[in-house]
């Protein structure tokens, strides 16, 4: 029968470098990761811009949906475009 051990609490870090070093060296299976949040990183450079005219109601709706998703509205639009071209 497996032995149940209490998971350790993640320490707090003063810098990204400190956090990266911890992740590189620690056995994360021994830590409680239940409080983690999903984070999406955008790695590709944005080297082009566009000017897009939208009806006010559509822009307001986009801004509301982006706020509900916890995203800036321009990133929300970019993600919707990426999803549309992937299909």
Protein backbone atom coordinates (compact mmCIF):
# COMPACT_ATOMS: atom_id res chain seq x y z
CA UNK A 1 0.00 0.00 0.00
CA UNK A 2 1.46 3.42 -0.97
CA UNK A 3 2.56 5.71 1.81
CA UNK A 4 0.70 9.03 1.78
CA UNK A 5 2.87 12.00 2.57
CA UNK A 6 1.83 15.58 2.96
CA UNK A 7 2.87 17.73 0.04
CA UNK A 8 5.14 20.67 0.71
CA UNK A 9 4.01 24.25 0.20
CA UNK A 10 5.74 26.05 -2.66
CA UNK A 11 8.20 28.68 -1.45
CA UNK A 12 7.92 32.30 -2.53
CA UNK A 13 10.58 33.76 -4.77
CA UNK A 14 12.12 37.21 -4.97
CA UNK A 15 12.99 36.96 -8.67
CA UNK A 16 12.28 34.99 -11.82
CA UNK A 17 15.84 33.68 -11.71
CA UNK A 18 15.27 32.28 -8.23
CA UNK A 19 12.05 30.58 -9.39
CA UNK A 20 13.75 29.12 -12.47
CA UNK A 21 16.57 27.70 -10.35
CA UNK A 22 14.05 26.12 -7.97
CA UNK A 23 12.12 24.48 -10.83
CA UNK A 24 15.34 23.20 -12.40
CA UNK A 25 16.48 21.53 -9.17
CA UNK A 26 13.35 20.59 -7.20
CA UNK A 27 11.29 17.40 -7.38
CA UNK A 28 7.94 19.09 -8.05
CA UNK A 29 6.01 15.90 -7.30
CA UNK A 30 6.68 16.63 -3.62
CA UNK A 31 4.97 20.05 -3.74
CA UNK A 32 1.32 21.07 -3.65
CA UNK A 33 0.64 22.61 -7.07
CA UNK A 34 -3.14 22.77 -6.65
CA UNK A 35 -3.16 26.57 -6.40
CA UNK A 36 -1.49 27.03 -9.77
CA UNK A 37 -3.04 28.98 -12.61
CA UNK A 38 -2.90 28.34 -16.34
CA UNK A 39 -0.81 30.98 -18.09
CA UNK A 40 -0.45 31.40 -21.82
CA UNK A 41 2.79 32.95 -23.05
CA UNK A 42 3.09 34.66 -26.40
CA UNK A 43 6.52 33.96 -27.80
CA UNK A 44 6.24 35.05 -31.42
CA UNK A 45 7.20 38.67 -32.13
CA UNK A 46 4.44 40.94 -33.34
CA UNK A 47 6.03 42.66 -36.32
CA UNK A 48 2.93 43.75 -38.26
CA UNK A 49 0.04 45.96 -37.28
CA UNK A 50 -3.38 46.56 -38.80
CA UNK A 51 -6.08 49.17 -38.49
CA UNK A 52 -9.50 47.55 -38.19
CA UNK A 53 -12.82 49.34 -38.15
CA UNK A 54 -15.61 47.62 -36.23
CA UNK A 55 -19.13 48.57 -35.24
CA UNK A 56 -19.15 49.96 -31.69
CA UNK A 57 -21.44 47.19 -30.43
CA UNK A 58 -19.07 44.49 -31.71
CA UNK A 59 -16.04 46.13 -30.11
CA UNK A 60 -17.91 46.51 -26.82
CA UNK A 61 -18.89 42.82 -26.94
CA UNK A 62 -15.29 41.81 -27.67
CA UNK A 63 -14.03 43.90 -24.77
CA UNK A 64 -16.58 42.32 -22.42
CA UNK A 65 -15.63 38.77 -23.49
CA UNK A 66 -11.93 39.58 -23.19
CA UNK A 67 -12.48 40.92 -19.68
CA UNK A 68 -14.35 37.74 -18.70
CA UNK A 69 -11.43 35.71 -20.08
CA UNK A 70 -8.96 37.88 -18.14
CA UNK A 71 -7.21 39.05 -21.30
CA UNK A 72 -6.46 42.38 -22.93
CA UNK A 73 -8.95 42.80 -25.77
CA UNK A 74 -6.30 42.98 -28.52
CA UNK A 75 -4.79 39.67 -27.39
CA UNK A 76 -8.31 38.22 -27.29
CA UNK A 77 -8.87 39.31 -30.92
CA UNK A 78 -5.48 37.89 -31.95
CA UNK A 79 -6.28 34.56 -30.31
CA UNK A 80 -9.67 34.43 -32.06
CA UNK A 81 -7.97 35.05 -35.41
CA UNK A 82 -5.35 32.37 -34.71
CA UNK A 83 -8.07 29.88 -33.82
CA UNK A 84 -10.06 30.73 -36.97
CA UNK A 85 -7.13 30.11 -39.32
CA UNK A 86 -6.14 26.85 -37.58
CA UNK A 87 -9.49 25.24 -38.46
